[in-house]
Protein backbone atom coordinates (compact mmCIF):
# COMPACT_ATOMS: atom_id res chain seq x y z
CA UNK A 1 -26.08 -35.03 -10.81
CA UNK A 2 -25.73 -34.64 -14.64
CA UNK A 3 -28.85 -33.88 -16.73
CA UNK A 4 -29.30 -34.68 -20.46
CA UNK A 5 -31.81 -33.27 -22.76
CA UNK A 6 -33.81 -35.18 -25.53
CA UNK A 7 -32.60 -32.64 -27.97
CA UNK A 8 -28.97 -31.97 -27.61
CA UNK A 9 -29.38 -28.18 -29.12
CA UNK A 10 -31.56 -27.34 -26.49
CA UNK A 11 -29.48 -26.90 -23.17
CA UNK A 12 -30.90 -26.04 -19.87
CA UNK A 13 -29.20 -23.04 -18.59
CA UNK A 14 -26.30 -23.51 -16.14
CA UNK A 15 -28.34 -21.61 -13.50
CA UNK A 16 -31.10 -24.22 -13.64
CA UNK A 17 -28.70 -26.80 -13.05
CA UNK A 18 -27.09 -24.92 -10.06
CA UNK A 19 -30.67 -24.84 -8.53
CA UNK A 20 -30.78 -28.26 -8.89
CA UNK A 21 -27.89 -28.99 -6.60
CA UNK A 22 -28.74 -26.41 -4.16
CA UNK A 23 -28.58 -27.80 -1.08
CA UNK A 24 -28.63 -31.27 -2.10
CA UNK A 25 -32.35 -31.75 -2.61
CA UNK A 26 -35.17 -31.32 -5.36
CA UNK A 27 -38.08 -28.98 -4.08
CA UNK A 28 -41.47 -28.54 -4.93
CA UNK A 29 -40.39 -24.61 -5.78
CA UNK A 30 -37.82 -26.03 -8.19
CA UNK A 31 -40.35 -28.38 -10.01
CA UNK A 32 -42.98 -25.75 -10.23
CA UNK A 33 -40.29 -23.04 -11.59
CA UNK A 34 -38.94 -25.66 -13.94
CA UNK A 35 -42.07 -26.37 -15.57
CA UNK A 36 -42.60 -22.54 -15.89
CA UNK A 37 -39.40 -22.12 -17.37
CA UNK A 38 -40.18 -24.93 -20.30
CA UNK A 39 -43.63 -23.75 -20.60
CA UNK A 40 -42.42 -20.21 -21.43
CA UNK A 41 -39.84 -21.69 -23.87
CA UNK A 42 -42.41 -23.77 -25.63
CA UNK A 43 -44.92 -20.40 -25.92
CA UNK A 44 -42.21 -18.18 -27.23
CA UNK A 45 -40.99 -20.81 -29.69
CA UNK A 46 -44.44 -20.43 -31.38
CA UNK A 47 -43.71 -16.68 -31.98
CA UNK A 48 -40.68 -17.47 -34.39
CA UNK A 49 -40.47 -20.98 -35.47
CA UNK A 50 -42.52 -20.55 -38.50
CA UNK A 51 -41.36 -21.48 -42.04
CA UNK A 52 -41.79 -18.11 -43.19
CA UNK A 53 -38.31 -17.30 -41.12
CA UNK A 54 -34.90 -18.42 -42.07
CA UNK A 55 -32.61 -19.83 -39.49
CA UNK A 56 -30.91 -16.67 -38.89
CA UNK A 57 -34.05 -14.47 -38.66
CA UNK A 58 -35.47 -17.04 -35.90
CA UNK A 59 -32.27 -16.68 -34.05
CA UNK A 60 -32.55 -12.89 -33.90
CA UNK A 61 -36.25 -13.20 -32.56
CA UNK A 62 -35.11 -16.01 -30.32
CA UNK A 63 -32.36 -13.66 -28.98
CA UNK A 64 -34.52 -10.77 -28.10
CA UNK A 65 -36.59 -12.93 -25.72
CA UNK A 66 -33.90 -15.22 -24.00
CA UNK A 67 -30.69 -12.78 -23.33
CA UNK A 68 -31.59 -12.60 -19.80
CA UNK A 69 -32.46 -16.17 -18.40
CA UNK A 70 -34.07 -16.61 -14.96
CA UNK A 71 -32.84 -14.78 -12.39
CA UNK A 72 -31.76 -16.41 -8.96
CA UNK A 73 -34.35 -18.86 -8.47
CA UNK A 74 -36.34 -18.68 -11.86
CA UNK A 75 -37.70 -14.98 -11.36
CA UNK A 76 -38.30 -14.80 -15.12
CA UNK A 77 -37.32 -11.36 -17.02
CA UNK A 78 -36.96 -11.29 -20.78
CA UNK A 79 -34.44 -8.65 -22.26
CA UNK A 80 -37.20 -7.46 -24.69
CA UNK A 81 -41.16 -7.27 -24.54
CA UNK A 82 -43.08 -9.39 -26.81
CA UNK A 83 -44.25 -5.73 -28.03
CA UNK A 84 -40.69 -5.03 -29.00
CA UNK A 85 -40.08 -8.14 -30.58
CA UNK A 86 -42.94 -7.80 -32.85
CA UNK A 87 -41.55 -5.04 -34.29
CA UNK A 88 -39.05 -6.80 -36.18
CA UNK A 89 -40.38 -10.29 -36.23
CA UNK A 90 -41.37 -9.82 -39.89
CA UNK A 91 -40.01 -12.05 -42.74
CA UNK A 92 -39.85 -8.73 -44.96
CA UNK A 93 -36.94 -7.97 -42.83
CA UNK A 94 -33.66 -9.39 -43.36
CA UNK A 95 -31.46 -10.55 -40.60
CA UNK A 96 -29.33 -7.40 -40.58
CA UNK A 97 -32.19 -4.98 -40.28
CA UNK A 98 -33.60 -7.08 -37.37
CA UNK A 99 -30.30 -6.90 -35.71
CA UNK A 100 -30.55 -3.36 -36.20
CA UNK A 101 -33.92 -3.17 -34.82
CA UNK A 102 -33.35 -5.29 -31.78
CA UNK A 103 -30.22 -3.28 -30.79
CA UNK A 104 -32.11 -0.09 -30.77
CA UNK A 105 -34.18 -1.55 -28.33
CA UNK A 106 -31.58 -3.59 -26.32
CA UNK A 107 -28.37 -1.86 -26.47
CA UNK A 108 -29.28 1.94 -27.49
CA UNK A 109 -32.21 1.50 -25.16
CA UNK A 110 -34.62 3.90 -28.01
CA UNK A 111 -38.27 4.28 -27.14
CA UNK A 112 -40.86 2.39 -29.38
CA UNK A 113 -41.75 5.47 -31.13
CA UNK A 114 -37.90 6.14 -32.19
CA UNK A 115 -37.50 2.20 -32.97
CA UNK A 116 -40.62 2.48 -35.48
CA UNK A 117 -39.08 5.44 -37.73
CA UNK A 118 -36.63 2.95 -39.04
CA UNK A 119 -38.23 -0.13 -38.61
CA UNK A 120 -39.54 -0.10 -42.07
CA UNK A 121 -38.70 -2.97 -44.67
CA UNK A 122 -38.30 -0.34 -47.44
CA UNK A 123 -35.32 1.34 -45.72
CA UNK A 124 -32.06 -0.50 -46.49
CA UNK A 125 -29.43 -1.31 -43.86
CA UNK A 126 -27.52 1.63 -44.23
CA UNK A 127 -30.39 3.84 -44.37
CA UNK A 128 -31.97 2.15 -40.97
CA UNK A 129 -28.34 2.91 -39.53
CA UNK A 130 -28.09 6.65 -40.05
CA UNK A 131 -31.40 7.04 -38.54
CA UNK A 132 -30.42 4.70 -35.50
CA UNK A 133 -27.19 6.78 -35.13
CA UNK A 134 -29.33 9.96 -35.34
CA UNK A 135 -31.17 8.94 -32.15
CA UNK A 136 -28.27 7.41 -30.45
CA UNK A 137 -26.52 10.72 -31.07
CA UNK A 138 -29.42 12.47 -29.13
CA UNK A 139 -31.20 14.36 -32.55
CA UNK A 140 -34.61 15.22 -31.70
CA UNK A 141 -37.47 13.38 -33.38
CA UNK A 142 -37.92 16.71 -35.68
CA UNK A 143 -34.36 16.32 -37.01
CA UNK A 144 -34.36 12.67 -37.53
CA UNK A 145 -37.60 12.79 -39.61
CA UNK A 146 -36.17 15.72 -41.65
CA UNK A 147 -34.11 12.76 -43.31
CA UNK A 148 -35.60 9.58 -42.44
CA UNK A 149 -37.26 9.65 -46.01
CA UNK A 150 -36.75 6.80 -48.44
CA UNK A 151 -35.84 9.52 -51.30
CA UNK A 152 -32.36 10.18 -49.52
CA UNK A 153 -29.97 7.33 -49.96
CA UNK A 154 -27.68 6.45 -46.78
CA UNK A 155 -24.80 9.07 -47.71
CA UNK A 156 -27.31 11.73 -47.96
CA UNK A 157 -28.91 10.85 -44.76
CA UNK A 158 -25.27 11.08 -43.24
CA UNK A 159 -24.60 14.27 -44.48
CA UNK A 160 -27.62 15.65 -43.06
CA UNK A 161 -27.22 14.05 -39.72
CA UNK A 162 -23.84 15.18 -39.30
CA UNK A 163 -24.80 18.69 -40.13
CA UNK A 164 -27.14 18.56 -37.30
CA UNK A 165 -24.82 17.21 -35.17
CA UNK A 166 -22.32 19.97 -35.56
CA UNK A 167 -25.08 22.46 -34.87
CA UNK A 168 -26.88 23.26 -37.91
CA UNK A 169 -30.39 24.57 -37.43
CA UNK A 170 -33.30 22.60 -39.00
CA UNK A 171 -33.71 25.58 -41.33
CA UNK A 172 -30.34 25.51 -42.70
CA UNK A 173 -30.29 21.55 -43.16
CA UNK A 174 -33.66 21.82 -45.01
CA UNK A 175 -32.48 24.63 -47.28
CA UNK A 176 -29.60 22.43 -48.14
CA UNK A 177 -31.78 19.41 -48.79
CA UNK A 178 -34.09 21.57 -51.10
CA UNK A 179 -31.16 23.37 -53.00
């Protein structure tokens, strides 16, 4: 049995197709779950399908929602929560900034509090990356906040971060900053 969709860009995930052919018959459970699948996709589309986002920004928002397609028999599980996606689903972030914010939640398993330290459009991509690296490398919130300031460019942030990672105390780093 081959399925076609009206919009060729909107493909049904392979596990949905496999569920259709499972045991050779269509069930009421499948029908309900397929309806739920398309309803959730419809609702999530309204979160990012807006003219204020360019195509690359829309893709980053969508990726946050859909990386984990339905598990066995359509028990839905999204990769990021709506609250997490809302942190970066803003037109003032460029696509690379969006990727860094999404990766903080997704790949790096940072908390909302940690991500919000660098999820600010005023920071450029390199500054955001230095703040992200501080958390990834297990610096404390106090250490990261010492250099997560617009007054520091990314090279200065990197030097401060590396000082902490090499064992300098907060007092020593703050003395270097103020010198």
